[in-house]
Amino acid sequence: MRIAPTVSALLATAALCACSSFDMGPMTVFVDPGKYDYHNCEQLALARKTMMDRELELKLLMDKAEQASGGAIVNIIAYQNDYTSTREELKVIEAAARVKKCAARP
């Protein structure tokens, strides 16, 4: 008898999840998905380049720290949050560029 409310709650949750779409932008924890909604293509290209440079810088720092003793701990404490945030920022920028149909640039 108690199973029916639980099952109906699960079905309602599944139905609501099915209503969501990828048009709402990428799922992120550290970045606001609508942050770049009002940027034009030139601004998005500049932001993308800046974030790609930052991602490369963090990756190099993480690789360098990995070579030292305790490097994994340093990566987690010092770099991992920034690296994750930068990757999410890139996803949001790329999603905004797709929506605005900006030409892809290398």
N, C-alpha and C. Protein backbone atom coordinates (compact mmCIF):
# COMPACT_ATOMS: atom_id res chain seq x y z
N MET A 1 0.82 -1.20 0.00
CA MET A 1 0.00 0.00 0.00
C MET A 1 0.86 1.26 0.00
N ARG A 2 2.03 1.23 0.64
CA ARG A 2 2.90 2.39 0.67
C ARG A 2 3.71 2.54 -0.60
N ILE A 3 3.73 1.52 -1.39
CA ILE A 3 4.54 1.53 -2.61
C ILE A 3 3.93 2.47 -3.66
N ALA A 4 2.64 2.57 -3.74
CA ALA A 4 1.98 3.38 -4.76
C ALA A 4 2.41 4.85 -4.70
N PRO A 5 2.43 5.51 -3.53
CA PRO A 5 2.88 6.91 -3.52
C PRO A 5 4.35 7.07 -3.94
N THR A 6 5.18 6.12 -3.55
CA THR A 6 6.59 6.19 -3.92
C THR A 6 6.77 6.04 -5.42
N VAL A 7 6.07 5.08 -5.99
CA VAL A 7 6.16 4.85 -7.43
C VAL A 7 5.63 6.07 -8.19
N SER A 8 4.52 6.63 -7.75
CA SER A 8 3.97 7.79 -8.45
C SER A 8 4.90 9.00 -8.32
N ALA A 9 5.58 9.15 -7.20
CA ALA A 9 6.54 10.25 -7.04
C ALA A 9 7.73 10.05 -7.98
N LEU A 10 8.20 8.82 -8.11
CA LEU A 10 9.30 8.54 -9.02
C LEU A 10 8.90 8.79 -10.48
N LEU A 11 7.70 8.40 -10.84
CA LEU A 11 7.22 8.63 -12.20
C LEU A 11 7.08 10.13 -12.50
N ALA A 12 6.59 10.88 -11.52
CA ALA A 12 6.45 12.32 -11.71
C ALA A 12 7.82 12.97 -11.88
N THR A 13 8.80 12.52 -11.09
CA THR A 13 10.15 13.05 -11.21
C THR A 13 10.73 12.73 -12.58
N ALA A 14 10.54 11.49 -13.03
CA ALA A 14 11.05 11.10 -14.35
C ALA A 14 10.39 11.92 -15.45
N ALA A 15 9.11 12.19 -15.32
CA ALA A 15 8.40 12.98 -16.32
C ALA A 15 8.94 14.41 -16.37
N LEU A 16 9.23 14.98 -15.21
CA LEU A 16 9.78 16.33 -15.18
C LEU A 16 11.19 16.38 -15.76
N CYS A 17 11.97 15.36 -15.49
CA CYS A 17 13.32 15.31 -16.05
C CYS A 17 13.28 15.20 -17.57
N ALA A 18 12.32 14.50 -18.09
CA ALA A 18 12.20 14.33 -19.53
C ALA A 18 11.82 15.65 -20.21
N CYS A 19 11.22 16.57 -19.46
CA CYS A 19 10.82 17.85 -20.03
C CYS A 19 12.00 18.79 -20.22
N SER A 20 13.07 18.57 -19.49
CA SER A 20 14.22 19.46 -19.63
C SER A 20 14.88 19.21 -20.98
N SER A 21 15.54 20.24 -21.48
CA SER A 21 16.19 20.10 -22.77
C SER A 21 17.61 20.61 -22.70
N PHE A 22 18.38 20.31 -23.71
CA PHE A 22 19.75 20.78 -23.78
C PHE A 22 19.80 22.25 -24.21
N ASP A 23 18.67 22.81 -24.62
CA ASP A 23 18.64 24.20 -25.01
C ASP A 23 18.85 25.13 -23.82
N MET A 24 18.69 24.59 -22.63
CA MET A 24 18.87 25.40 -21.44
C MET A 24 20.35 25.62 -21.14
N GLY A 25 21.23 25.05 -21.93
CA GLY A 25 22.66 25.23 -21.75
C GLY A 25 23.27 24.07 -21.00
N PRO A 26 24.58 24.07 -20.94
CA PRO A 26 25.26 22.97 -20.26
C PRO A 26 25.04 23.05 -18.75
N MET A 27 25.03 21.91 -18.11
CA MET A 27 24.91 21.85 -16.67
C MET A 27 26.27 22.19 -16.07
N THR A 28 26.31 23.19 -15.21
CA THR A 28 27.55 23.60 -14.59
C THR A 28 27.35 23.81 -13.11
N VAL A 29 28.43 23.72 -12.38
CA VAL A 29 28.39 23.95 -10.94
C VAL A 29 29.00 25.31 -10.61
N PHE A 30 30.07 25.67 -11.30
CA PHE A 30 30.83 26.87 -10.97
C PHE A 30 30.49 28.08 -11.83
N VAL A 31 29.77 27.90 -12.92
CA VAL A 31 29.54 29.00 -13.87
C VAL A 31 28.04 29.15 -14.14
N ASP A 32 27.60 30.39 -14.24
CA ASP A 32 26.21 30.69 -14.58
C ASP A 32 25.99 30.39 -16.06
N PRO A 33 25.05 29.48 -16.38
CA PRO A 33 24.85 29.12 -17.79
C PRO A 33 24.43 30.28 -18.68
N GLY A 34 23.86 31.32 -18.13
CA GLY A 34 23.42 32.46 -18.93
C GLY A 34 24.41 33.61 -18.95
N LYS A 35 25.61 33.38 -18.47
CA LYS A 35 26.60 34.44 -18.32
C LYS A 35 26.93 35.14 -19.64
N TYR A 36 26.91 34.42 -20.74
CA TYR A 36 27.32 34.97 -22.03
C TYR A 36 26.15 35.19 -22.98
N ASP A 37 24.94 35.22 -22.48
CA ASP A 37 23.77 35.39 -23.33
C ASP A 37 23.78 36.70 -24.13
N TYR A 38 24.34 37.74 -23.56
CA TYR A 38 24.29 39.04 -24.21
C TYR A 38 25.62 39.44 -24.85
N HIS A 39 26.52 38.49 -24.99
CA HIS A 39 27.79 38.75 -25.67
C HIS A 39 27.62 38.53 -27.18
N ASN A 40 28.32 39.32 -27.97
CA ASN A 40 28.30 39.08 -29.41
C ASN A 40 29.41 38.09 -29.76
N CYS A 41 29.50 37.72 -31.02
CA CYS A 41 30.45 36.69 -31.45
C CYS A 41 31.90 37.09 -31.20
N GLU A 42 32.22 38.37 -31.39
CA GLU A 42 33.60 38.81 -31.14
C GLU A 42 33.95 38.70 -29.66
N GLN A 43 33.03 39.08 -28.81
CA GLN A 43 33.27 38.98 -27.37
C GLN A 43 33.39 37.52 -26.95
N LEU A 44 32.58 36.66 -27.54
CA LEU A 44 32.66 35.23 -27.22
C LEU A 44 33.99 34.64 -27.67
N ALA A 45 34.47 35.07 -28.84
CA ALA A 45 35.76 34.57 -29.33
C ALA A 45 36.89 35.00 -28.41
N LEU A 46 36.86 36.23 -27.94
CA LEU A 46 37.88 36.72 -27.02
C LEU A 46 37.81 35.97 -25.69
N ALA A 47 36.60 35.77 -25.17
CA ALA A 47 36.44 35.04 -23.91
C ALA A 47 36.91 33.60 -24.06
N ARG A 48 36.62 33.00 -25.20
CA ARG A 48 37.04 31.62 -25.46
C ARG A 48 38.56 31.52 -25.49
N LYS A 49 39.21 32.45 -26.16
CA LYS A 49 40.68 32.44 -26.22
C LYS A 49 41.27 32.62 -24.83
N THR A 50 40.72 33.54 -24.07
CA THR A 50 41.21 33.78 -22.70
C THR A 50 41.07 32.52 -21.85
N MET A 51 39.93 31.86 -21.94
CA MET A 51 39.71 30.65 -21.15
C MET A 51 40.57 29.49 -21.62
N MET A 52 40.80 29.40 -22.93
CA MET A 52 41.66 28.33 -23.44
C MET A 52 43.11 28.54 -22.99
N ASP A 53 43.56 29.80 -22.97
CA ASP A 53 44.90 30.10 -22.48
C ASP A 53 45.01 29.76 -20.99
N ARG A 54 43.97 30.09 -20.23
CA ARG A 54 43.96 29.78 -18.79
C ARG A 54 43.95 28.28 -18.56
N GLU A 55 43.18 27.55 -19.36
CA GLU A 55 43.12 26.10 -19.23
C GLU A 55 44.50 25.49 -19.49
N LEU A 56 45.17 25.96 -20.52
CA LEU A 56 46.51 25.46 -20.84
C LEU A 56 47.49 25.77 -19.71
N GLU A 57 47.42 26.99 -19.20
CA GLU A 57 48.30 27.38 -18.10
C GLU A 57 48.10 26.48 -16.88
N LEU A 58 46.84 26.25 -16.52
CA LEU A 58 46.55 25.39 -15.37
C LEU A 58 46.98 23.95 -15.61
N LYS A 59 46.78 23.46 -16.83
CA LYS A 59 47.19 22.10 -17.16
C LYS A 59 48.70 21.95 -17.02
N LEU A 60 49.46 22.94 -17.51
CA LEU A 60 50.92 22.89 -17.38
C LEU A 60 51.35 22.94 -15.91
N LEU A 61 50.69 23.78 -15.13
CA LEU A 61 51.00 23.85 -13.70
C LEU A 61 50.69 22.52 -13.00
N MET A 62 49.58 21.92 -13.37
CA MET A 62 49.19 20.63 -12.77
C MET A 62 50.19 19.54 -13.15
N ASP A 63 50.62 19.53 -14.41
CA ASP A 63 51.60 18.54 -14.85
C ASP A 63 52.93 18.73 -14.12
N LYS A 64 53.33 19.98 -13.94
CA LYS A 64 54.58 20.26 -13.24
C LYS A 64 54.49 19.85 -11.78
N ALA A 65 53.37 20.15 -11.15
CA ALA A 65 53.19 19.78 -9.74
C ALA A 65 53.14 18.27 -9.57
N GLU A 66 52.62 17.59 -10.54
CA GLU A 66 52.50 16.12 -10.50
C GLU A 66 53.88 15.46 -10.41
N GLN A 67 54.91 16.11 -10.91
CA GLN A 67 56.25 15.54 -10.91
C GLN A 67 56.91 15.62 -9.52
N ALA A 68 56.44 16.51 -8.68
CA ALA A 68 57.02 16.66 -7.35
C ALA A 68 56.33 15.72 -6.37
N SER A 69 57.00 15.46 -5.25
CA SER A 69 56.36 14.63 -4.23
C SER A 69 55.19 15.41 -3.65
N GLY A 70 54.09 14.75 -3.46
CA GLY A 70 52.89 15.40 -2.97
C GLY A 70 52.17 16.21 -4.03
N GLY A 71 52.53 16.01 -5.28
CA GLY A 71 51.95 16.80 -6.36
C GLY A 71 50.46 16.61 -6.53
N ALA A 72 49.99 15.41 -6.28
CA ALA A 72 48.54 15.16 -6.41
C ALA A 72 47.76 15.99 -5.40
N ILE A 73 48.31 16.13 -4.21
CA ILE A 73 47.63 16.93 -3.18
C ILE A 73 47.66 18.40 -3.58
N VAL A 74 48.80 18.86 -4.10
CA VAL A 74 48.90 20.25 -4.55
C VAL A 74 47.89 20.51 -5.66
N ASN A 75 47.76 19.57 -6.59
CA ASN A 75 46.80 19.73 -7.67
C ASN A 75 45.39 19.89 -7.15
N ILE A 76 45.02 19.06 -6.20
CA ILE A 76 43.66 19.12 -5.65
C ILE A 76 43.44 20.43 -4.91
N ILE A 77 44.40 20.82 -4.10
CA ILE A 77 44.24 22.02 -3.28
C ILE A 77 44.36 23.29 -4.11
N ALA A 78 45.35 23.36 -4.96
CA ALA A 78 45.66 24.62 -5.64
C ALA A 78 45.01 24.79 -7.00
N TYR A 79 44.89 23.72 -7.77
CA TYR A 79 44.54 23.89 -9.18
C TYR A 79 43.22 23.27 -9.62
N GLN A 80 42.77 22.22 -8.99
CA GLN A 80 41.63 21.45 -9.51
C GLN A 80 40.36 22.28 -9.64
N ASN A 81 40.03 23.09 -8.63
CA ASN A 81 38.81 23.90 -8.72
C ASN A 81 38.90 24.92 -9.85
N ASP A 82 40.06 25.56 -9.99
CA ASP A 82 40.22 26.53 -11.08
C ASP A 82 40.14 25.84 -12.44
N TYR A 83 40.74 24.68 -12.54
CA TYR A 83 40.72 23.94 -13.80
C TYR A 83 39.29 23.53 -14.16
N THR A 84 38.56 23.01 -13.20
CA THR A 84 37.17 22.61 -13.44
C THR A 84 36.31 23.81 -13.81
N SER A 85 36.51 24.90 -13.11
CA SER A 85 35.75 26.12 -13.40
C SER A 85 36.05 26.63 -14.80
N THR A 86 37.32 26.59 -15.19
CA THR A 86 37.71 27.04 -16.52
C THR A 86 37.10 26.16 -17.60
N ARG A 87 37.10 24.85 -17.39
CA ARG A 87 36.50 23.92 -18.36
C ARG A 87 34.99 24.18 -18.50
N GLU A 88 34.32 24.43 -17.37
CA GLU A 88 32.89 24.72 -17.42
C GLU A 88 32.64 26.05 -18.12
N GLU A 89 33.49 27.02 -17.87
CA GLU A 89 33.35 28.31 -18.54
C GLU A 89 33.46 28.15 -20.05
N LEU A 90 34.40 27.32 -20.49
CA LEU A 90 34.54 27.04 -21.92
C LEU A 90 33.29 26.39 -22.49
N LYS A 91 32.69 25.47 -21.75
CA LYS A 91 31.46 24.82 -22.22
C LYS A 91 30.34 25.84 -22.39
N VAL A 92 30.23 26.77 -21.45
CA VAL A 92 29.18 27.79 -21.51
C VAL A 92 29.44 28.73 -22.69
N ILE A 93 30.69 29.11 -22.89
CA ILE A 93 31.04 29.98 -24.02
C ILE A 93 30.72 29.29 -25.34
N GLU A 94 31.11 28.03 -25.47
CA GLU A 94 30.86 27.30 -26.71
C GLU A 94 29.37 27.09 -26.95
N ALA A 95 28.61 26.86 -25.89
CA ALA A 95 27.16 26.72 -26.05
C ALA A 95 26.54 28.04 -26.51
N ALA A 96 26.99 29.15 -25.95
CA ALA A 96 26.48 30.47 -26.36
C ALA A 96 26.85 30.74 -27.81
N ALA A 97 28.06 30.37 -28.21
CA ALA A 97 28.49 30.59 -29.60
C ALA A 97 27.65 29.75 -30.57
N ARG A 98 27.32 28.52 -30.17
CA ARG A 98 26.47 27.67 -31.02
C ARG A 98 25.09 28.28 -31.18
N VAL A 99 24.53 28.76 -30.08
CA VAL A 99 23.18 29.36 -30.13
C VAL A 99 23.17 30.59 -31.04
N LYS A 100 24.23 31.38 -30.97
CA LYS A 100 24.31 32.59 -31.78
C LYS A 100 24.84 32.33 -33.19
N LYS A 101 25.16 31.06 -33.47
CA LYS A 101 25.68 30.63 -34.78
C LYS A 101 26.95 31.41 -35.17
N CYS A 102 27.84 31.54 -34.19
CA CYS A 102 29.12 32.20 -34.46
C CYS A 102 30.00 31.22 -35.23
N ALA A 103 30.81 31.77 -36.13
CA ALA A 103 31.73 30.95 -36.90
C ALA A 103 32.79 30.39 -35.97
N ALA A 104 33.08 29.10 -36.14
CA ALA A 104 34.09 28.46 -35.29
C ALA A 104 35.46 28.95 -35.71
N ARG A 105 36.27 29.29 -34.73
CA ARG A 105 37.63 29.74 -34.99
C ARG A 105 38.59 28.84 -34.25
N PRO A 106 39.73 28.56 -34.85
CA PRO A 106 40.71 27.67 -34.20
C PRO A 106 41.30 28.27 -32.95
